[in-house]
Structures are given as structure tokens and as C-alpha cells.
């Protein structure tokens, strides 16, 4: 009897939106289609591209390429300052289009979605039909400039690998009977979770190719990674599922929320940085209440641009992705859990007074504010004496107006200079959520 322990079926589809930010811009403006285009955080040659169209990628311009360098490679490149609210809207529209064909089980990032297949959907011809229907649904319901690559595999880890194997507009399936030989040609860096540092560590242990990695048995994989991750990876690469299907296991408890911002040149002063920090807190505090949490601590991070002389005299000067050499400072303060903006602003003001004052700390260019130690509203213990100053009611009134008319409609005066700065940005692990008329 021919016994196949792992039947040739697909358990997951991983949808990877190709050059998402750039594709949205080409969808919004048909005249940009077919042209080299890059999305940038600000219009400055010293910053870096955060996305590039496939036409730009063909010229060697990619995420992380400095704008000045991109202009040298392609003088006619179209540069667009990112509109993260539009990207969030399109991500939601694409998820809705996918849902018409198959439920979205996970959303790892703004440009990725995962569908879990059940029953006869797992049969390869049916899974392929679903994948093609998803592509058509996005094309028909969202936009002709938006393309995706879809990976089909028995587990989530392999499905993500497959989605990267053919771009743009790819469709690749990895069946258990084809594994692991179907991925033997890949580079180690093609594996999710294997970055530059991990690759160096693997190379130091004698593993420089995928073939060498796949030749290891389970015990060898465990020893190589020195953790249960090695055991899991051994099974995933052979088409098995281990319960978490190749995805990080979430604790299910949100521990922090916050915002950070690389400031425009006009805000790179002590006063400008304070107003930006004030706005970041304003947004974070509003999100805290919308998501029904209280916070018990606040962390503030500031990075300061160094002059060439200062950088040369500082042995451990760090370098921002934009090329700016900088020093950094951060502080965390704990307090009785709260959620109203005024109390949180008092905490921010106290932290701000502690910032360093030396010569190398006079040119702030980055500010981050994070609320931590979150607890759900239903676990919060009210103060014995209540809220004598009605701070909670004041915040609730502000939220009501800001949800209706925009989140900067009503605010404290300290953020007025930066009211229009620090717009919504998309982090790799955080997708903006719509609250009222705005995304945050």
C-alpha cells in the first residue's frame, strides 16, 4: 500500500501586494503607470525611498535607496510624498475584495493577507482557482494597477516563502510531495526570520547554502538554532504543520501603543520637537481611549543630529537609515494607570524636563512617544476620590468632536505649531485603524 503521511493539499494562501505604496500611487494617478516611481517620507535628497515601483526596481532603485542616489540612477523618476491614509484605505478595500473569494484569517502587515483553506478548498485545483479569483477580484473591485503574488502551501511559513518566489503577479504552490527539493535553490535570506545577522551566525556554523540547511536532520536543526525554532523549521520546510502554522504565537495581550516621527527641518529645534511630541501624545492618548485601555507608563525617545565634528569625536555615534549620524536619549516614567490626555501630558512634560542639554543634544530630528503597561478598561480600579477635575469627561468631549471633524480639531495649545506635522505613518507591524473620519 502506498501511504502518504502528508497529502498533497494546500492549507494556506499568502497574498503579498506587489510594491504596494507605489502601486497605490499609480492607481490614484494613471499618468504614473508604467513610469519609475518612488514613495518618500519627505521631499529631501537625504531621505530614503520607502517604496519603489517595478519600473524603478528595474533600474536598481528599491526600498532604502537614498533619494539623491535614486535621482542619479533615474533623473526622470517620479517622487511622491507618502499618503499613508490612502494606503490604509486601499488595504481595507483589498481585504474586502479578498473576502469575496475566501475569508482573511490573518493580516500580518499592511500589504500581506493570509487565507486558511478548509475541506475541499485544499485540493490543488480548487486552491488555484481561489487564488486566481482573488487576483481578479482585486483587479475588478479595487484597481487595475494593483497586483499581488500569492503563495500556496501546507503551512503559513511555506506559503509566505512561495509568495516571494515569483514577482510581480506570481502564483506559486509548494506541495508536500515536492518538498524540500522545491526550495533547495533559494538563498538562506529567502527564509522568513533569517536576516543579515542570522545569516552571519549560520555561516559561522558552516551553513552557507539552503542545500546544507535542508541536509540537517531534526536534531541537527535544533542544535543549529539552539532552540525549538530549529525543530519547527525542520517540519515547516517539509510541509508539516506544528500548530502555529509558521506564524509567531501572539500572547493575545497588547502591551503598548505609540507614535514616532522623523521631523521636517523646520521642527528640528527644542521648541519644534516639543510640539511634535505633544501631537504624538495627543494621537496616542486618543487611540488609548478608542481601544479601551489605560496606560501605566510612558517612554519617550529623542534622537539628535550630530555635526561632522561631533560625530568624529564620538566613538559610538549611530547612523539613521536616512544617513544622519546621531546621539540618542530615552526615558520611561511610571504612574498610576490613566487614559486622559491632560494627565498624560503632565507626565510627558516631566520627562521632557529631564532631556540632556549638552552641545550634542541641540538638534533633535526624531521623537517617539510610547504608552506602555496597558490594561483593559474593565481591569482598571477607579481612584477612591474619583475624578475631581473631570479630566476623563474633558477627554471624552474632545474625542467626540475629533472623531466627527478630524483628530486635530480640538487640542491643547502646546501642539499648535505641529498641528499639521507628524501625519499617520504605517509601521511594518501596525496597520492604521480608522477612528471617525481619520486613520491613526
Protein backbone atom coordinates (compact mmCIF):
# COMPACT_ATOMS: atom_id res chain seq x y z
CA UNK A 1 0.00 0.00 0.00
CA UNK A 2 1.28 3.48 -0.92
CA UNK A 3 0.96 5.56 2.21
CA UNK A 4 1.44 9.35 2.02
CA UNK A 5 1.68 10.83 5.53
CA UNK A 6 1.30 14.37 4.28
CA UNK A 7 -1.27 14.54 1.47
CA UNK A 8 -0.75 16.94 -1.41
CA UNK A 9 -3.00 19.73 -0.26
CA UNK A 10 -2.66 23.45 0.35
CA UNK A 11 -3.63 24.69 3.80
CA UNK A 12 -2.89 28.40 3.30
CA UNK A 13 -2.74 31.16 0.72
CA UNK A 14 -0.35 34.04 1.43
CA UNK A 15 -1.21 37.21 -0.51
CA UNK A 16 1.65 39.68 -0.96
CA UNK A 17 0.69 43.01 -2.56
CA UNK A 18 3.42 43.97 -5.04
CA UNK A 19 5.16 47.34 -4.50
CA UNK A 20 2.04 48.32 -2.58
CA UNK A 21 2.62 52.00 -1.78
CA UNK A 22 3.95 52.73 -5.26
CA UNK A 23 1.13 50.76 -6.88
CA UNK A 24 -1.49 52.75 -4.95
CA UNK A 25 0.07 55.97 -6.24
CA UNK A 26 -0.06 54.60 -9.80
CA UNK A 27 -3.69 53.63 -9.27
CA UNK A 28 -4.54 57.11 -7.99
CA UNK A 29 -2.74 58.81 -10.91
CA UNK A 30 -2.96 56.89 -14.21
CA UNK A 31 -0.25 59.14 -15.73
CA UNK A 32 2.29 57.50 -13.37
CA UNK A 33 1.60 53.97 -14.60
CA UNK A 34 4.48 52.36 -16.42
CA UNK A 35 6.89 55.01 -15.09
CA UNK A 36 9.68 54.75 -12.50
CA UNK A 37 8.17 56.00 -9.23
CA UNK A 38 9.30 56.09 -5.62
CA UNK A 39 7.40 56.95 -2.45
CA UNK A 40 9.38 59.06 0.03
CA UNK A 41 8.68 60.25 3.61
CA UNK A 42 9.67 63.86 2.81
CA UNK A 43 10.89 65.72 -0.26
CA UNK A 44 14.61 65.75 0.57
CA UNK A 45 17.59 64.18 -1.19
CA UNK A 46 18.98 62.97 2.15
CA UNK A 47 15.99 60.78 2.96
CA UNK A 48 15.35 57.28 1.61
CA UNK A 49 12.74 55.70 -0.63
CA UNK A 50 10.18 53.75 1.36
CA UNK A 51 8.73 52.06 -1.73
CA UNK A 52 9.53 51.79 -5.43
CA UNK A 53 7.51 50.78 -8.47
CA UNK A 54 8.67 47.79 -10.51
CA UNK A 55 9.81 50.19 -13.22
CA UNK A 56 12.09 51.84 -10.64
CA UNK A 57 13.25 48.49 -9.27
CA UNK A 58 14.37 47.51 -12.76
CA UNK A 59 16.80 50.46 -12.58
CA UNK A 60 18.23 49.39 -9.22
CA UNK A 61 16.07 51.67 -7.07
CA UNK A 62 14.49 49.92 -4.10
CA UNK A 63 13.31 50.45 -0.53
CA UNK A 64 16.16 52.10 1.37
CA UNK A 65 17.77 53.75 -1.67
CA UNK A 66 18.71 57.35 -0.83
CA UNK A 67 16.65 59.82 -2.86
CA UNK A 68 19.76 61.59 -4.15
CA UNK A 69 21.12 58.25 -5.40
CA UNK A 70 17.75 57.39 -6.96
CA UNK A 71 17.84 60.65 -8.93
CA UNK A 72 21.31 59.81 -10.23
CA UNK A 73 20.14 56.39 -11.41
CA UNK A 74 16.96 57.81 -12.94
CA UNK A 75 16.77 61.61 -13.34
CA UNK A 76 13.15 61.38 -14.53
CA UNK A 77 11.95 59.35 -11.55
CA UNK A 78 8.59 60.43 -10.10
CA UNK A 79 8.85 61.16 -6.36
CA UNK A 80 5.67 61.12 -4.27
CA UNK A 81 5.42 62.01 -0.60
CA UNK A 82 3.66 59.08 1.05
CA UNK A 83 -0.06 59.31 1.80
CA UNK A 84 -0.50 56.69 4.49
CA UNK A 85 -4.21 57.34 4.93
CA UNK A 86 -4.76 56.33 1.29
CA UNK A 87 -2.65 53.20 1.77
CA UNK A 88 -4.73 52.19 4.77
CA UNK A 89 -7.95 52.75 2.78
CA UNK A 90 -6.67 50.64 -0.12
CA UNK A 91 -5.50 47.87 2.21
CA UNK A 92 -9.02 47.69 3.67
CA UNK A 93 -10.56 47.71 0.18
CA UNK A 94 -8.26 44.90 -0.94
CA UNK A 95 -9.09 42.85 2.16
CA UNK A 96 -12.78 43.30 1.32
CA UNK A 97 -12.12 42.14 -2.25
CA UNK A 98 -10.26 39.06 -0.98
CA UNK A 99 -13.13 38.30 1.40
CA UNK A 100 -15.45 37.94 -1.62
CA UNK A 101 -13.44 34.84 -2.55
CA UNK A 102 -12.12 33.48 0.75
CA UNK A 103 -12.12 34.69 4.39
CA UNK A 104 -8.98 36.54 5.52
CA UNK A 105 -7.64 34.67 8.54
CA UNK A 106 -4.61 36.84 9.33
CA UNK A 107 -3.24 40.25 8.32
CA UNK A 108 0.50 40.24 9.14
CA UNK A 109 1.08 43.72 7.69
CA UNK A 110 -0.44 46.47 5.56
CA UNK A 111 0.49 44.64 2.33
CA UNK A 112 0.02 41.00 3.35
CA UNK A 113 -3.02 38.81 3.98
CA UNK A 114 -3.38 35.13 4.76
CA UNK A 115 -6.34 32.87 3.92
CA UNK A 116 -6.75 29.49 5.57
CA UNK A 117 -8.28 26.83 3.34
CA UNK A 118 -10.62 24.15 4.66
CA UNK A 119 -12.13 20.95 3.33
CA UNK A 120 -12.12 20.59 -0.46
CA UNK A 121 -10.71 24.10 -0.83
CA UNK A 122 -7.35 22.49 -0.01
CA UNK A 123 -7.36 20.41 -3.19
CA UNK A 124 -4.73 21.96 -5.51
CA UNK A 125 -7.08 22.74 -8.46
CA UNK A 126 -9.64 24.39 -6.16
CA UNK A 127 -6.96 26.31 -4.24
CA UNK A 128 -5.53 27.58 -7.51
CA UNK A 129 -8.99 28.66 -8.64
CA UNK A 130 -9.48 30.60 -5.39
CA UNK A 131 -6.11 32.29 -5.83
CA UNK A 132 -6.95 33.34 -9.40
CA UNK A 133 -10.35 34.59 -8.26
CA UNK A 134 -8.62 36.71 -5.59
CA UNK A 135 -6.39 38.31 -8.21
CA UNK A 136 -9.38 39.05 -10.42
CA UNK A 137 -11.40 40.42 -7.51
CA UNK A 138 -8.64 42.87 -6.59
CA UNK A 139 -8.29 43.92 -10.23
CA UNK A 140 -12.03 44.36 -10.73
CA UNK A 141 -13.08 45.82 -7.35
CA UNK A 142 -10.07 47.87 -6.28
CA UNK A 143 -7.85 48.83 -9.22
CA UNK A 144 -6.05 47.72 -12.35
CA UNK A 145 -2.66 48.98 -11.10
CA UNK A 146 -2.72 46.75 -8.02
CA UNK A 147 -1.11 43.35 -8.39
CA UNK A 148 -0.33 40.62 -5.92
CA UNK A 149 1.76 37.48 -5.69
CA UNK A 150 0.13 34.51 -4.00
CA UNK A 151 1.87 31.58 -2.38
CA UNK A 152 0.04 28.29 -1.72
CA UNK A 153 1.43 25.78 0.74
CA UNK A 154 0.56 23.33 3.54
CA UNK A 155 1.58 25.83 6.27
CA UNK A 156 1.83 29.60 6.66
CA UNK A 157 5.61 29.66 6.71
CA UNK A 158 5.93 27.97 3.33
CA UNK A 159 3.05 29.99 1.89
CA UNK A 160 4.96 33.20 2.67
CA UNK A 161 8.10 31.78 1.07
CA UNK A 162 6.10 30.83 -2.03
CA UNK A 163 4.60 34.32 -2.32
CA UNK A 164 8.12 35.75 -2.70
CA UNK A 165 9.27 33.26 -5.33
CA UNK A 166 7.61 34.92 -8.32
CA UNK A 167 7.06 38.69 -8.53
CA UNK A 168 5.17 40.61 -9.69
CA UNK A 169 1.77 38.97 -10.14
CA UNK A 170 3.03 35.48 -9.30
CA UNK A 171 1.25 32.31 -8.25
CA UNK A 172 3.38 29.52 -6.80
CA UNK A 173 2.33 26.39 -4.95
CA UNK A 174 4.54 24.19 -2.77
CA UNK A 175 3.13 20.69 -2.19
CA UNK A 176 4.47 18.23 0.39
CA UNK A 177 5.49 15.79 -2.34
CA UNK A 178 7.73 18.49 -3.86
CA UNK A 179 9.47 19.33 -0.60
CA UNK A 180 12.09 20.08 0.36
CA UNK A 181 13.64 19.92 -3.11
CA UNK A 182 11.33 22.67 -4.44
CA UNK A 183 13.03 25.23 -2.19
CA UNK A 184 16.60 23.91 -2.37
CA UNK A 185 17.58 26.61 -4.88
CA UNK A 186 16.68 29.50 -2.57
CA UNK A 187 19.11 31.62 -0.58
CA UNK A 188 19.20 31.44 3.21
CA UNK A 189 17.99 35.05 3.33
CA UNK A 190 14.83 33.99 1.49
CA UNK A 191 13.63 32.29 4.67
CA UNK A 192 11.35 34.46 6.84
CA UNK A 193 13.18 35.24 10.05
CA UNK A 194 16.66 34.92 8.54
CA UNK A 195 18.17 38.40 8.33
CA UNK A 196 21.73 39.58 7.86
CA UNK A 197 22.82 38.84 11.42
CA UNK A 198 21.25 35.37 11.46
CA UNK A 199 22.89 34.56 8.11
CA UNK A 200 26.30 35.52 9.51
CA UNK A 201 25.67 33.28 12.51
CA UNK A 202 24.64 30.36 10.28
CA UNK A 203 27.68 30.87 8.05
CA UNK A 204 29.93 30.78 11.13
CA UNK A 205 28.46 27.35 11.92
CA UNK A 206 29.21 26.06 8.44
CA UNK A 207 25.78 26.55 6.85
CA UNK A 208 26.12 28.76 3.76
CA UNK A 209 23.53 27.27 1.37
CA UNK A 210 19.95 26.06 1.52
CA UNK A 211 21.09 22.59 0.47
CA UNK A 212 23.30 22.36 3.55
CA UNK A 213 20.45 23.55 5.77
CA UNK A 214 17.99 21.03 4.33
CA UNK A 215 20.50 18.19 4.72
CA UNK A 216 20.33 18.52 8.51
CA UNK A 217 18.11 16.16 10.47
CA UNK A 218 15.80 17.40 13.22
CA UNK A 219 18.47 17.10 15.92
CA UNK A 220 20.90 18.99 13.72
CA UNK A 221 18.39 21.79 13.16
CA UNK A 222 17.74 22.05 16.89
CA UNK A 223 21.47 22.29 17.57
CA UNK A 224 21.98 24.84 14.79
CA UNK A 225 19.35 27.21 16.16
CA UNK A 226 19.87 26.19 19.78
CA UNK A 227 16.10 26.36 20.35
CA UNK A 228 12.77 24.77 19.50
CA UNK A 229 12.69 27.11 16.49
CA UNK A 230 15.05 24.69 14.77
CA UNK A 231 12.63 21.80 15.35
CA UNK A 232 9.72 23.81 13.98
CA UNK A 233 11.68 24.95 10.95
CA UNK A 234 12.67 21.36 10.19
CA UNK A 235 8.99 20.39 9.99
CA UNK A 236 7.77 23.54 8.22
CA UNK A 237 10.28 23.21 5.39
CA UNK A 238 8.99 19.69 4.76
CA UNK A 239 5.37 20.72 4.55
CA UNK A 240 4.22 19.83 8.03
CA UNK A 241 2.20 21.98 10.41
CA UNK A 242 3.15 22.38 14.07
CA UNK A 243 0.04 24.03 15.45
CA UNK A 244 1.13 27.65 14.88
CA UNK A 245 1.50 27.11 11.13
CA UNK A 246 4.69 29.07 10.85
CA UNK A 247 3.36 32.23 12.45
CA UNK A 248 4.61 33.89 15.63
CA UNK A 249 2.42 32.91 18.55
CA UNK A 250 0.72 36.01 19.90
CA UNK A 251 0.11 36.39 23.60
CA UNK A 252 -3.20 37.99 22.70
CA UNK A 253 -2.47 40.91 25.05
CA UNK A 254 -1.49 44.30 23.68
CA UNK A 255 1.30 45.75 25.77
CA UNK A 256 1.97 49.17 24.23
CA UNK A 257 0.93 51.74 21.65
CA UNK A 258 2.54 54.91 20.44
CA UNK A 259 3.82 57.03 17.59
CA UNK A 260 7.20 58.28 16.36
CA UNK A 261 8.21 60.81 13.74
CA UNK A 262 11.26 61.99 11.80
CA UNK A 263 10.73 65.75 11.89
CA UNK A 264 10.85 68.13 8.95
CA UNK A 265 13.78 70.62 9.12
CA UNK A 266 11.58 73.45 10.40
CA UNK A 267 10.79 71.44 13.55
CA UNK A 268 14.37 70.42 14.37
CA UNK A 269 14.65 72.67 17.42
CA UNK A 270 13.84 72.23 21.10
CA UNK A 271 10.53 74.07 20.71
CA UNK A 272 9.62 72.27 17.50
CA UNK A 273 10.43 68.85 18.95
CA UNK A 274 8.25 69.57 21.98
CA UNK A 275 5.25 70.50 19.83
CA UNK A 276 5.71 67.33 17.75
CA UNK A 277 6.00 65.18 20.89
CA UNK A 278 2.83 66.88 22.15
CA UNK A 279 0.97 65.91 18.98
CA UNK A 280 2.27 62.32 19.10
CA UNK A 281 0.92 62.03 22.65
CA UNK A 282 -2.39 63.58 21.57
CA UNK A 283 -2.82 60.84 18.95
CA UNK A 284 -1.64 58.06 21.27
CA UNK A 285 -3.96 59.14 24.09
CA UNK A 286 -6.94 59.24 21.75
CA UNK A 287 -6.09 55.75 20.46
CA UNK A 288 -5.70 54.56 24.06
CA UNK A 289 -9.30 55.53 24.79
CA UNK A 290 -10.66 54.27 21.46
CA UNK A 291 -9.07 50.87 22.08
CA UNK A 292 -10.35 50.91 25.69
CA UNK A 293 -7.06 50.75 27.57
CA UNK A 294 -5.39 52.50 30.48
CA UNK A 295 -1.62 53.06 30.48
CA UNK A 296 0.75 52.69 33.43
CA UNK A 297 3.97 54.06 31.97
CA UNK A 298 5.28 56.28 29.18
CA UNK A 299 8.54 56.07 27.25
CA UNK A 300 9.99 58.99 25.29
CA UNK A 301 12.82 58.67 22.77
CA UNK A 302 14.69 61.56 21.14
CA UNK A 303 17.47 61.36 18.54
CA UNK A 304 19.75 64.33 17.98
CA UNK A 305 21.59 65.09 14.75
CA UNK A 306 25.36 65.48 15.16
CA UNK A 307 27.68 67.79 13.27
CA UNK A 308 30.58 66.15 11.45
CA UNK A 309 32.97 67.23 14.20
CA UNK A 310 30.71 65.86 16.93
CA UNK A 311 30.28 62.54 15.11
CA UNK A 312 34.05 62.16 14.62
CA UNK A 313 34.63 62.80 18.31
CA UNK A 314 32.01 60.27 19.42
CA UNK A 315 33.17 56.66 19.22
CA UNK A 316 29.66 55.21 19.29
CA UNK A 317 27.77 57.65 17.07
CA UNK A 318 24.85 55.85 15.44
CA UNK A 319 23.63 56.26 11.86
CA UNK A 320 19.96 56.67 10.98
CA UNK A 321 18.65 54.97 7.80
CA UNK A 322 18.49 58.45 6.23
CA UNK A 323 22.24 58.80 6.70
CA UNK A 324 22.04 61.19 9.67
CA UNK A 325 24.63 60.47 12.38
CA UNK A 326 23.10 60.98 15.77
CA UNK A 327 23.14 60.58 19.51
CA UNK A 328 20.10 59.31 21.33
CA UNK A 329 18.30 59.62 24.63
CA UNK A 330 15.31 57.93 26.17
CA UNK A 331 13.45 57.80 29.46
CA UNK A 332 10.48 55.91 30.87
CA UNK A 333 8.21 57.09 33.68
CA UNK A 334 5.69 55.02 35.62
CA UNK A 335 2.47 56.38 37.09
CA UNK A 336 -0.94 55.33 38.32
CA UNK A 337 -2.77 53.96 35.29
CA UNK A 338 -4.79 56.59 33.44
CA UNK A 339 -6.13 57.39 29.98
CA UNK A 340 -6.93 61.11 29.93
CA UNK A 341 -4.79 63.42 27.81
CA UNK A 342 -4.17 66.08 30.45
CA UNK A 343 -2.64 63.66 32.98
CA UNK A 344 -0.53 62.02 30.29
CA UNK A 345 0.61 65.44 29.13
CA UNK A 346 1.82 66.23 32.63
CA UNK A 347 3.86 63.01 32.57
CA UNK A 348 5.32 63.93 29.16
CA UNK A 349 6.23 67.39 30.44
CA UNK A 350 8.03 65.85 33.42
CA UNK A 351 10.03 63.51 31.20
CA UNK A 352 10.83 66.31 28.77
CA UNK A 353 12.46 68.36 31.52
CA UNK A 354 14.94 65.52 32.06
CA UNK A 355 16.29 65.52 28.49
CA UNK A 356 20.05 66.14 28.13
CA UNK A 357 21.28 69.68 27.46
CA UNK A 358 24.84 69.20 26.12
CA UNK A 359 26.12 70.56 22.81
CA UNK A 360 25.40 67.26 21.02
CA UNK A 361 21.74 67.35 22.12
CA UNK A 362 20.64 70.61 20.48
CA UNK A 363 19.41 69.38 17.09
CA UNK A 364 16.56 66.88 17.60
CA UNK A 365 15.32 65.22 14.41
CA UNK A 366 13.35 62.22 15.72
CA UNK A 367 10.81 61.90 18.54
CA UNK A 368 8.91 58.84 19.75
CA UNK A 369 6.23 58.58 22.45
CA UNK A 370 5.03 55.16 23.61
CA UNK A 371 2.37 54.31 26.21
CA UNK A 372 3.13 51.03 27.96
CA UNK A 373 1.86 48.65 30.65
CA UNK A 374 -1.61 48.72 29.12
CA UNK A 375 -4.54 47.23 30.98
CA UNK A 376 -8.11 46.83 29.67
CA UNK A 377 -10.71 49.31 30.92
CA UNK A 378 -12.60 46.56 32.76
CA UNK A 379 -9.50 45.82 34.87
CA UNK A 380 -8.91 49.44 35.88
CA UNK A 381 -9.58 50.30 39.53
CA UNK A 382 -11.14 53.72 39.97
CA UNK A 383 -9.49 56.22 42.30
CA UNK A 384 -11.06 56.35 45.76
CA UNK A 385 -11.75 60.07 45.34
CA UNK A 386 -13.00 59.82 41.76
CA UNK A 387 -12.05 62.34 39.09
CA UNK A 388 -12.44 65.73 40.83
CA UNK A 389 -11.16 67.75 37.86
CA UNK A 390 -13.35 65.90 35.32
CA UNK A 391 -10.30 65.10 33.20
CA UNK A 392 -11.90 61.96 31.84
CA UNK A 393 -15.01 63.87 30.82
CA UNK A 394 -12.86 66.55 29.15
CA UNK A 395 -11.05 63.89 27.09
CA UNK A 396 -14.36 62.24 26.17
CA UNK A 397 -15.71 65.58 24.92
CA UNK A 398 -12.55 66.19 22.89
CA UNK A 399 -12.81 62.69 21.39
CA UNK A 400 -16.43 63.26 20.38
CA UNK A 401 -15.55 66.38 18.39
CA UNK A 402 -12.29 64.99 16.99
CA UNK A 403 -13.96 61.81 15.76
CA UNK A 404 -16.56 63.85 13.92
CA UNK A 405 -14.38 66.60 12.45
CA UNK A 406 -10.82 65.23 12.49
CA UNK A 407 -8.41 64.35 15.31
CA UNK A 408 -6.70 67.78 15.39
CA UNK A 409 -9.93 69.79 15.67
CA UNK A 410 -9.71 70.24 19.45
CA UNK A 411 -6.38 70.00 21.24
CA UNK A 412 -4.19 71.64 23.88
CA UNK A 413 -2.23 74.70 22.77
CA UNK A 414 1.21 73.10 23.10
CA UNK A 415 0.81 71.10 19.88
CA UNK A 416 -0.48 74.03 17.81
CA UNK A 417 2.82 74.66 15.95
CA UNK A 418 2.93 70.96 14.93
CA UNK A 419 -0.77 70.51 14.28
CA UNK A 420 -0.21 69.58 10.62
CA UNK A 421 3.04 67.67 11.20
CA UNK A 422 3.54 64.02 12.17
CA UNK A 423 0.82 62.62 9.91
CA UNK A 424 -0.27 59.00 10.10
CA UNK A 425 2.53 56.60 9.19
CA UNK A 426 2.37 52.89 8.59
CA UNK A 427 4.71 50.70 10.60
CA UNK A 428 5.54 47.17 9.46
CA UNK A 429 3.67 45.66 12.37
CA UNK A 430 0.90 48.21 12.77
CA UNK A 431 -1.90 48.93 10.33
CA UNK A 432 -3.65 52.29 10.87
CA UNK A 433 -7.21 51.98 12.15
CA UNK A 434 -9.99 54.37 11.20
CA UNK A 435 -11.40 56.35 14.13
CA UNK A 436 -14.15 58.70 12.99
CA UNK A 437 -13.00 60.48 9.83
CA UNK A 438 -9.25 59.85 10.33
CA UNK A 439 -6.85 56.91 10.27
CA UNK A 440 -4.39 56.65 13.17
